[in-house]
Amino acid sequence: MEQLYELLQRWCVCGQALELIGHEIREQLGNDPGDVIVHKHGKYRCVCGVATVPKSKTPLPGSQASPQLIAQIMSAKYDEGVPLYRQEKMAKRDGLDLPRAELARWVIQGSPVLQPVWNRLEETLFGYDITAADELGVQVLKETGRSPIIKAGCGYAEETF
C-alpha cells in the first residue's frame, strides 16, 4: 500500500512556483502479513531553498510498526486474549520476525495514545451510582495441579472448582 503526501499549494513564500524533485520514503509494517505501507512525502525546490511535506504523525516515531499494526496487536492481546508469545509464533508462520520483546515494547509505548479513550471511559463509568461486573470464570492454560478455570475480579485471580 502506498500513501502519497503532496502539497496542495505549490507556491513558495518568495512567490516562486515549487518544483517536485523527489520523495522522502518511510516504510511501515501493515496489519496483514507481508503488507508494507510506503509513506512518500514530496520534496520541492525553489530558488530560495528546499521544502518537504511534513511527516505524518505516528504513535511510535522511528518504528516500523504502523498504527494499524499496533492496534491489531493490542486488540488481539486485550480483546481476544491472544498472548504476545502466540502472536510472535503467528507472525513467524507468516514469514515475519517480530520478537515478543518488540511486540511488548510496541504495546507499552503505544498505550499513551489510548489514554484519552481510557480517561473518558473511566469518567463515564464512575459517573454512575452503581456499576456491574461480569465475574464469570475464564479459561486459561491448564497446568498440573491447578484448575484450568480462574475467576478474575478486583485485580486478583482466585481459583474456582
Protein backbone atom coordinates (compact mmCIF):
# COMPACT_ATOMS: atom_id res chain seq x y z
CA MET A 1 0.00 0.00 0.00
CA GLU A 2 1.32 3.43 -0.85
CA GLN A 3 0.37 6.72 0.77
CA LEU A 4 1.40 9.86 -1.06
CA TYR A 5 1.73 13.20 0.75
CA GLU A 6 1.98 16.25 -1.52
CA LEU A 7 1.50 19.99 -1.12
CA LEU A 8 -1.85 21.38 -2.21
CA GLN A 9 -0.43 24.84 -2.84
CA ARG A 10 2.83 24.70 -4.72
CA TRP A 11 3.94 28.28 -4.22
CA CYS A 12 6.87 29.31 -2.07
CA VAL A 13 6.71 32.25 0.35
CA CYS A 14 9.03 34.11 -2.06
CA GLY A 15 6.33 33.90 -4.77
CA GLN A 16 8.08 31.33 -6.97
CA ALA A 17 6.47 28.05 -8.05
CA LEU A 18 7.69 24.94 -6.19
CA GLU A 19 9.02 22.09 -8.34
CA LEU A 20 8.71 18.46 -7.21
CA ILE A 21 12.24 16.98 -7.06
CA GLY A 22 11.54 13.65 -5.35
CA HIS A 23 10.12 11.98 -2.28
CA GLU A 24 11.29 11.03 1.19
CA ILE A 25 10.19 7.45 1.78
CA ARG A 26 9.32 5.71 5.05
CA GLU A 27 8.12 2.10 5.23
CA GLN A 28 5.97 0.56 7.96
CA LEU A 29 4.53 -2.90 8.52
CA GLY A 30 0.80 -3.14 7.84
CA ASN A 31 -1.61 -5.35 9.74
CA ASP A 32 -1.72 -8.09 7.08
CA PRO A 33 1.22 -10.47 6.69
CA GLY A 34 3.68 -9.10 4.16
CA ASP A 35 1.74 -5.84 3.88
CA VAL A 36 4.09 -2.84 3.79
CA ILE A 37 2.81 0.72 3.94
CA VAL A 38 5.04 3.08 1.99
CA HIS A 39 4.76 6.74 3.02
CA LYS A 40 6.03 9.09 0.29
CA HIS A 41 6.49 12.72 1.37
CA GLY A 42 7.07 15.12 -1.51
CA LYS A 43 10.25 17.22 -1.68
CA TYR A 44 10.05 20.53 -3.52
CA ARG A 45 12.58 23.14 -4.53
CA CYS A 46 12.51 26.79 -5.31
CA VAL A 47 15.19 29.40 -5.91
CA CYS A 48 15.26 30.13 -2.16
CA GLY A 49 15.57 26.53 -0.90
CA VAL A 50 14.05 23.07 -0.48
CA ALA A 51 10.78 22.23 1.26
CA THR A 52 9.44 18.83 2.32
CA VAL A 53 5.86 17.90 3.15
CA PRO A 54 5.62 17.49 6.96
CA LYS A 55 5.86 13.89 8.17
CA SER A 56 2.63 12.13 9.08
CA LYS A 57 2.24 11.52 12.81
CA THR A 58 2.72 8.02 14.16
CA PRO A 59 2.37 6.66 17.72
CA LEU A 60 5.96 5.33 17.69
CA PRO A 61 8.22 7.69 15.73
CA GLY A 62 11.08 5.84 14.05
CA SER A 63 9.41 2.45 14.44
CA GLN A 64 8.50 0.06 11.66
CA ALA A 65 5.09 -0.52 13.29
CA SER A 66 2.15 1.25 11.67
CA PRO A 67 -0.74 2.49 13.81
CA GLN A 68 -2.90 -0.25 12.24
CA LEU A 69 -0.45 -2.97 13.31
CA ILE A 70 -0.19 -1.60 16.86
CA ALA A 71 -4.00 -1.51 17.10
CA GLN A 72 -4.23 -5.10 15.84
CA ILE A 73 -1.63 -6.34 18.35
CA MET A 74 -3.36 -4.58 21.24
CA SER A 75 -6.79 -5.76 20.15
CA ALA A 76 -5.60 -9.37 19.84
CA LYS A 77 -3.90 -9.19 23.25
CA TYR A 78 -6.58 -7.45 25.29
CA ASP A 79 -9.83 -8.08 23.44
CA GLU A 80 -9.26 -11.59 22.10
CA GLY A 81 -6.85 -12.84 24.79
CA VAL A 82 -4.04 -13.82 22.38
CA PRO A 83 -0.76 -13.57 24.33
CA LEU A 84 2.28 -11.97 22.72
CA TYR A 85 4.21 -15.25 22.54
CA ARG A 86 1.41 -16.67 20.40
CA GLN A 87 1.30 -13.56 18.22
CA GLU A 88 5.06 -13.95 17.75
CA LYS A 89 4.53 -17.53 16.54
CA MET A 90 1.70 -16.43 14.22
CA ALA A 91 3.94 -13.74 12.69
CA LYS A 92 6.79 -16.23 12.23
CA ARG A 93 4.39 -18.56 10.42
CA ASP A 94 3.63 -15.68 8.06
CA GLY A 95 7.35 -15.07 7.48
CA LEU A 96 7.74 -12.05 9.77
CA ASP A 97 10.35 -11.84 12.52
CA LEU A 98 8.52 -9.97 15.29
CA PRO A 99 10.12 -10.89 18.63
CA ARG A 100 7.89 -10.88 21.69
CA ALA A 101 10.03 -8.17 23.31
CA GLU A 102 9.43 -5.91 20.29
CA LEU A 103 5.68 -6.56 20.42
CA ALA A 104 5.68 -5.79 24.16
CA ARG A 105 7.58 -2.54 23.54
CA TRP A 106 5.04 -1.52 20.89
CA VAL A 107 2.15 -2.23 23.28
CA ILE A 108 3.77 -0.30 26.14
CA GLN A 109 4.91 2.69 24.09
CA GLY A 110 1.69 2.79 22.07
CA SER A 111 -0.55 2.81 25.16
CA PRO A 112 -0.38 6.58 25.85
CA VAL A 113 -2.23 7.15 22.57
CA LEU A 114 -5.24 5.41 24.14
CA GLN A 115 -5.10 7.41 27.39
CA PRO A 116 -7.82 9.91 26.34
CA VAL A 117 -10.15 6.99 25.49
CA TRP A 118 -9.39 5.37 28.87
CA ASN A 119 -9.98 8.67 30.71
CA ARG A 120 -13.36 9.14 29.03
CA LEU A 121 -14.37 5.54 29.75
CA GLU A 122 -13.35 5.88 33.39
CA GLU A 123 -15.16 9.21 33.71
CA THR A 124 -18.35 7.73 32.25
CA LEU A 125 -18.16 4.52 34.30
CA PHE A 126 -17.57 6.26 37.63
CA GLY A 127 -20.27 8.81 36.82
CA TYR A 128 -22.93 6.18 37.59
CA ASP A 129 -24.17 5.42 41.11
CA ILE A 130 -23.98 1.66 40.53
CA THR A 131 -21.79 -0.39 38.20
CA ALA A 132 -21.89 -4.08 37.40
CA ALA A 133 -19.13 -6.54 36.52
CA ASP A 134 -19.06 -9.84 34.67
CA GLU A 135 -17.35 -12.24 37.07
CA LEU A 136 -17.64 -15.42 35.05
CA GLY A 137 -14.80 -17.92 35.08
CA VAL A 138 -12.12 -17.55 32.42
CA GLN A 139 -10.46 -20.49 30.67
CA VAL A 140 -6.66 -20.31 30.98
CA LEU A 141 -3.78 -22.67 30.22
CA LYS A 142 -4.07 -25.94 32.11
CA GLU A 143 -1.18 -26.58 34.47
CA THR A 144 -0.54 -29.68 36.54
CA GLY A 145 -2.20 -29.42 39.93
CA ARG A 146 -4.19 -26.30 39.07
CA SER A 147 -7.65 -25.70 37.74
CA PRO A 148 -7.82 -24.53 34.12
CA ILE A 149 -10.53 -22.02 35.13
CA ILE A 150 -9.91 -18.87 37.16
CA LYS A 151 -12.30 -16.30 38.50
CA ALA A 152 -10.98 -12.80 37.93
CA GLY A 153 -12.12 -9.85 39.97
CA CYS A 154 -10.87 -6.86 41.91
CA GLY A 155 -7.40 -7.05 40.37
CA TYR A 156 -6.54 -10.56 41.57
CA ALA A 157 -7.19 -14.08 40.34
CA GLU A 158 -8.89 -16.64 42.53
CA GLU A 159 -9.13 -20.29 41.54
CA THR A 160 -12.59 -21.84 41.30
CA PHE A 161 -13.52 -25.50 41.44
